Structure formats: C-alpha cells, structure tokens
Amino acid sequence: MEGGDKLKEIEPEKLDKITGGTAISIWTGIVIAAIVVFIAGVIEGITNPERCNG
C-alpha cells in the first residue's frame, strides 16, 4: 500500500449495522403532502373564487 491507500474490508455483521442519512418516514411524507395540497387549495380559492351550487 502506498500513501493514502487505507482500505479495510468491513465484516458483513458490521456492514448490516451501518445506516446513513436522515430517512423521512412515510408518515412525514404524507403530512407534508397533505399540507401542500391544503395550501394549494387555499391559494386556488383566493385566486379563483366560485360560489357554491347549494
């Protein structure tokens, strides 16, 4: 090995325990999508008001 070549093989047991990043759960995604849809509806209601047919 020369200089910066410092590679080490990771054991499969340790490899299974490695996690990375911040995962967004399904529920977080659903909540964010619901908020976006709600805000889009409010904006559409303000910009394009229509009377109810009731």
PDB file of N, CA and C in Angstrom:
ATOM      1  N   MET A   1       0.841  -1.192   0.000  1.00  0.00           N
ATOM      2  CA  MET A   1       0.000   0.000   0.000  1.00  0.00           C
ATOM      3  C   MET A   1       0.880   1.247   0.000  1.00  0.00           C
ATOM      4  N   GLU A   2       0.410   2.242  -0.712  1.00  0.00           N
ATOM      5  CA  GLU A   2       1.169   3.475  -0.790  1.00  0.00           C
ATOM      6  C   GLU A   2       0.371   4.629  -0.212  1.00  0.00           C
ATOM      7  N   GLY A   3       1.022   5.520   0.469  1.00  0.00           N
ATOM      8  CA  GLY A   3       0.462   6.782   0.935  1.00  0.00           C
ATOM      9  C   GLY A   3      -0.957   6.717   1.481  1.00  0.00           C
ATOM     10  N   GLY A   4      -1.934   7.174   0.672  1.00  0.00           N
ATOM     11  CA  GLY A   4      -3.308   7.318   1.143  1.00  0.00           C
ATOM     12  C   GLY A   4      -4.186   6.099   0.932  1.00  0.00           C
ATOM     13  N   ASP A   5      -3.621   4.985   0.491  1.00  0.00           N
ATOM     14  CA  ASP A   5      -4.421   3.783   0.272  1.00  0.00           C
ATOM     15  C   ASP A   5      -4.645   3.066   1.595  1.00  0.00           C
ATOM     16  N   LYS A   6      -5.726   3.423   2.272  1.00  0.00           N
ATOM     17  CA  LYS A   6      -6.015   2.807   3.563  1.00  0.00           C
ATOM     18  C   LYS A   6      -7.407   2.187   3.511  1.00  0.00           C
ATOM     19  N   LEU A   7      -7.556   1.172   2.690  1.00  0.00           N
ATOM     20  CA  LEU A   7      -8.839   0.495   2.562  1.00  0.00           C
ATOM     21  C   LEU A   7      -8.873  -0.686   3.513  1.00  0.00           C
ATOM     22  N   LYS A   8     -10.033  -0.896   4.123  1.00  0.00           N
ATOM     23  CA  LYS A   8     -10.190  -2.002   5.044  1.00  0.00           C
ATOM     24  C   LYS A   8     -11.514  -2.686   4.726  1.00  0.00           C
ATOM     25  N   GLU A   9     -11.495  -3.995   4.650  1.00  0.00           N
ATOM     26  CA  GLU A   9     -12.720  -4.730   4.373  1.00  0.00           C
ATOM     27  C   GLU A   9     -13.582  -4.748   5.623  1.00  0.00           C
ATOM     28  N   ILE A  10     -14.877  -4.472   5.443  1.00  0.00           N
ATOM     29  CA  ILE A  10     -15.812  -4.432   6.570  1.00  0.00           C
ATOM     30  C   ILE A  10     -16.489  -5.793   6.682  1.00  0.00           C
ATOM     31  N   GLU A  11     -16.586  -6.255   7.901  1.00  0.00           N
ATOM     32  CA  GLU A  11     -17.250  -7.542   8.132  1.00  0.00           C
ATOM     33  C   GLU A  11     -18.737  -7.410   7.841  1.00  0.00           C
ATOM     34  N   PRO A  12     -19.374  -8.472   7.322  1.00  0.00           N
ATOM     35  CA  PRO A  12     -20.801  -8.409   6.973  1.00  0.00           C
ATOM     36  C   PRO A  12     -21.702  -8.005   8.145  1.00  0.00           C
ATOM     37  N   GLU A  13     -21.349  -8.426   9.360  1.00  0.00           N
ATOM     38  CA  GLU A  13     -22.178  -8.065  10.531  1.00  0.00           C
ATOM     39  C   GLU A  13     -22.145  -6.555  10.775  1.00  0.00           C
ATOM     40  N   LYS A  14     -20.969  -5.966  10.644  1.00  0.00           N
ATOM     41  CA  LYS A  14     -20.837  -4.524  10.829  1.00  0.00           C
ATOM     42  C   LYS A  14     -21.475  -3.767   9.668  1.00  0.00           C
ATOM     43  N   LEU A  15     -21.402  -4.344   8.468  1.00  0.00           N
ATOM     44  CA  LEU A  15     -21.978  -3.713   7.290  1.00  0.00           C
ATOM     45  C   LEU A  15     -23.498  -3.600   7.415  1.00  0.00           C
ATOM     46  N   ASP A  16     -24.126  -4.605   8.014  1.00  0.00           N
ATOM     47  CA  ASP A  16     -25.581  -4.589   8.201  1.00  0.00           C
ATOM     48  C   ASP A  16     -26.022  -3.515   9.190  1.00  0.00           C
ATOM     49  N   LYS A  17     -25.133  -3.129  10.107  1.00  0.00           N
ATOM     50  CA  LYS A  17     -25.484  -2.148  11.136  1.00  0.00           C
ATOM     51  C   LYS A  17     -25.299  -0.709  10.676  1.00  0.00           C
ATOM     52  N   ILE A  18     -24.683  -0.508   9.531  1.00  0.00           N
ATOM     53  CA  ILE A  18     -24.403   0.845   9.050  1.00  0.00           C
ATOM     54  C   ILE A  18     -25.677   1.464   8.487  1.00  0.00           C
ATOM     55  N   THR A  19     -25.996   2.635   8.953  1.00  0.00           N
ATOM     56  CA  THR A  19     -27.116   3.407   8.400  1.00  0.00           C
ATOM     57  C   THR A  19     -26.583   4.782   8.040  1.00  0.00           C
ATOM     58  N   GLY A  20     -27.222   5.414   7.075  1.00  0.00           N
ATOM     59  CA  GLY A  20     -26.729   6.718   6.666  1.00  0.00           C
ATOM     60  C   GLY A  20     -27.857   7.666   6.348  1.00  0.00           C
ATOM     61  N   GLY A  21     -27.605   8.928   6.532  1.00  0.00           N
ATOM     62  CA  GLY A  21     -28.586   9.949   6.194  1.00  0.00           C
ATOM     63  C   GLY A  21     -29.758   9.986   7.152  1.00  0.00           C
ATOM     64  N   THR A  22     -30.635  10.939   6.908  1.00  0.00           N
ATOM     65  CA  THR A  22     -31.848  11.064   7.698  1.00  0.00           C
ATOM     66  C   THR A  22     -33.001  10.624   6.824  1.00  0.00           C
ATOM     67  N   ALA A  23     -33.570   9.496   7.142  1.00  0.00           N
ATOM     68  CA  ALA A  23     -34.674   8.973   6.341  1.00  0.00           C
ATOM     69  C   ALA A  23     -35.978   9.654   6.746  1.00  0.00           C
ATOM     70  N   ILE A  24     -36.774  10.011   5.761  1.00  0.00           N
ATOM     71  CA  ILE A  24     -38.089  10.582   6.027  1.00  0.00           C
ATOM     72  C   ILE A  24     -39.083   9.428   6.045  1.00  0.00           C
ATOM     73  N   SER A  25     -39.794   9.310   7.135  1.00  0.00           N
ATOM     74  CA  SER A  25     -40.743   8.208   7.236  1.00  0.00           C
ATOM     75  C   SER A  25     -41.934   8.447   6.316  1.00  0.00           C
ATOM     76  N   ILE A  26     -42.703   7.415   6.097  1.00  0.00           N
ATOM     77  CA  ILE A  26     -43.891   7.523   5.238  1.00  0.00           C
ATOM     78  C   ILE A  26     -44.873   8.530   5.832  1.00  0.00           C
ATOM     79  N   TRP A  27     -45.036   8.511   7.137  1.00  0.00           N
ATOM     80  CA  TRP A  27     -45.993   9.433   7.764  1.00  0.00           C
ATOM     81  C   TRP A  27     -45.553  10.883   7.590  1.00  0.00           C
ATOM     82  N   THR A  28     -44.280  11.148   7.678  1.00  0.00           N
ATOM     83  CA  THR A  28     -43.794  12.513   7.458  1.00  0.00           C
ATOM     84  C   THR A  28     -44.090  12.951   6.029  1.00  0.00           C
ATOM     85  N   GLY A  29     -43.886  12.056   5.069  1.00  0.00           N
ATOM     86  CA  GLY A  29     -44.195  12.372   3.674  1.00  0.00           C
ATOM     87  C   GLY A  29     -45.672  12.636   3.455  1.00  0.00           C
ATOM     88  N   ILE A  30     -46.528  11.842   4.107  1.00  0.00           N
ATOM     89  CA  ILE A  30     -47.974  12.035   3.971  1.00  0.00           C
ATOM     90  C   ILE A  30     -48.393  13.374   4.555  1.00  0.00           C
ATOM     91  N   VAL A  31     -47.850  13.729   5.708  1.00  0.00           N
ATOM     92  CA  VAL A  31     -48.199  15.009   6.346  1.00  0.00           C
ATOM     93  C   VAL A  31     -47.744  16.178   5.477  1.00  0.00           C
ATOM     94  N   ILE A  32     -46.541  16.103   4.936  1.00  0.00           N
ATOM     95  CA  ILE A  32     -46.041  17.184   4.072  1.00  0.00           C
ATOM     96  C   ILE A  32     -46.909  17.305   2.828  1.00  0.00           C
ATOM     97  N   ALA A  33     -47.275  16.175   2.218  1.00  0.00           N
ATOM     98  CA  ALA A  33     -48.125  16.210   1.028  1.00  0.00           C
ATOM     99  C   ALA A  33     -49.494  16.802   1.353  1.00  0.00           C
ATOM    100  N   ALA A  34     -50.073  16.448   2.497  1.00  0.00           N
ATOM    101  CA  ALA A  34     -51.385  16.980   2.889  1.00  0.00           C
ATOM    102  C   ALA A  34     -51.317  18.496   3.088  1.00  0.00           C
ATOM    103  N   ILE A  35     -50.254  18.973   3.698  1.00  0.00           N
ATOM    104  CA  ILE A  35     -50.103  20.419   3.905  1.00  0.00           C
ATOM    105  C   ILE A  35     -49.986  21.141   2.567  1.00  0.00           C
ATOM    106  N   VAL A  36     -49.205  20.574   1.644  1.00  0.00           N
ATOM    107  CA  VAL A  36     -49.033  21.198   0.328  1.00  0.00           C
ATOM    108  C   VAL A  36     -50.358  21.249  -0.414  1.00  0.00           C
ATOM    109  N   VAL A  37     -51.123  20.156  -0.381  1.00  0.00           N
ATOM    110  CA  VAL A  37     -52.423  20.123  -1.065  1.00  0.00           C
ATOM    111  C   VAL A  37     -53.385  21.128  -0.440  1.00  0.00           C
ATOM    112  N   PHE A  38     -53.389  21.226   0.885  1.00  0.00           N
ATOM    113  CA  PHE A  38     -54.277  22.171   1.565  1.00  0.00           C
ATOM    114  C   PHE A  38     -53.934  23.611   1.180  1.00  0.00           C
ATOM    115  N   ILE A  39     -52.652  23.937   1.212  1.00  0.00           N
ATOM    116  CA  ILE A  39     -52.235  25.306   0.866  1.00  0.00           C
ATOM    117  C   ILE A  39     -52.558  25.614  -0.591  1.00  0.00           C
ATOM    118  N   ALA A  40     -52.380  24.630  -1.479  1.00  0.00           N
ATOM    119  CA  ALA A  40     -52.718  24.839  -2.887  1.00  0.00           C
ATOM    120  C   ALA A  40     -54.215  25.107  -3.037  1.00  0.00           C
ATOM    121  N   GLY A  41     -55.040  24.406  -2.267  1.00  0.00           N
ATOM    122  CA  GLY A  41     -56.488  24.644  -2.304  1.00  0.00           C
ATOM    123  C   GLY A  41     -56.860  26.024  -1.801  1.00  0.00           C
ATOM    124  N   VAL A  42     -56.211  26.462  -0.743  1.00  0.00           N
ATOM    125  CA  VAL A  42     -56.480  27.806  -0.208  1.00  0.00           C
ATOM    126  C   VAL A  42     -56.093  28.872  -1.234  1.00  0.00           C
ATOM    127  N   ILE A  43     -54.925  28.707  -1.848  1.00  0.00           N
ATOM    128  CA  ILE A  43     -54.479  29.681  -2.850  1.00  0.00           C
ATOM    129  C   ILE A  43     -55.423  29.690  -4.046  1.00  0.00           C
ATOM    130  N   GLU A  44     -55.857  28.517  -4.485  1.00  0.00           N
ATOM    131  CA  GLU A  44     -56.797  28.465  -5.608  1.00  0.00           C
ATOM    132  C   GLU A  44     -58.124  29.121  -5.230  1.00  0.00           C
ATOM    133  N   GLY A  45     -58.584  28.915  -4.014  1.00  0.00           N
ATOM    134  CA  GLY A  45     -59.829  29.540  -3.559  1.00  0.00           C
ATOM    135  C   GLY A  45     -59.737  31.056  -3.510  1.00  0.00           C
ATOM    136  N   ILE A  46     -58.579  31.566  -3.184  1.00  0.00           N
ATOM    137  CA  ILE A  46     -58.390  33.017  -3.122  1.00  0.00           C
ATOM    138  C   ILE A  46     -58.292  33.594  -4.545  1.00  0.00           C
ATOM    139  N   THR A  47     -57.562  32.925  -5.413  1.00  0.00           N
ATOM    140  CA  THR A  47     -57.333  33.464  -6.749  1.00  0.00           C
ATOM    141  C   THR A  47     -58.478  33.190  -7.730  1.00  0.00           C
ATOM    142  N   ASN A  48     -59.300  32.171  -7.449  1.00  0.00           N
ATOM    143  CA  ASN A  48     -60.379  31.802  -8.362  1.00  0.00           C
ATOM    144  C   ASN A  48     -61.638  31.469  -7.552  1.00  0.00           C
ATOM    145  N   PRO A  49     -62.231  32.475  -6.914  1.00  0.00           N
ATOM    146  CA  PRO A  49     -63.406  32.188  -6.067  1.00  0.00           C
ATOM    147  C   PRO A  49     -64.632  31.834  -6.905  1.00  0.00           C
ATOM    148  N   GLU A  50     -65.335  30.805  -6.485  1.00  0.00           N
ATOM    149  CA  GLU A  50     -66.595  30.411  -7.132  1.00  0.00           C
ATOM    150  C   GLU A  50     -67.633  30.200  -6.062  1.00  0.00           C
ATOM    151  N   ARG A  51     -68.881  30.470  -6.405  1.00  0.00           N
ATOM    152  CA  ARG A  51     -69.957  30.266  -5.442  1.00  0.00           C
ATOM    153  C   ARG A  51     -70.318  28.782  -5.358  1.00  0.00           C
ATOM    154  N   CYS A  52     -70.806  28.390  -4.216  1.00  0.00           N
ATOM    155  CA  CYS A  52     -71.273  27.019  -4.055  1.00  0.00           C
ATOM    156  C   CYS A  52     -72.600  26.854  -4.765  1.00  0.00           C
ATOM    157  N   ASN A  53     -72.872  25.706  -5.324  1.00  0.00           N
ATOM    158  CA  ASN A  53     -74.132  25.451  -6.012  1.00  0.00           C
ATOM    159  C   ASN A  53     -75.142  24.808  -5.084  1.00  0.00           C
ATOM    160  N   GLY A  54     -75.310  25.414  -3.923  1.00  0.00           N
ATOM    161  CA  GLY A  54     -76.195  24.783  -2.948  1.00  0.00           C
ATOM    162  C   GLY A  54     -77.248  25.625  -2.498  1.00  0.00           C
TER     163      GLY A  54
END
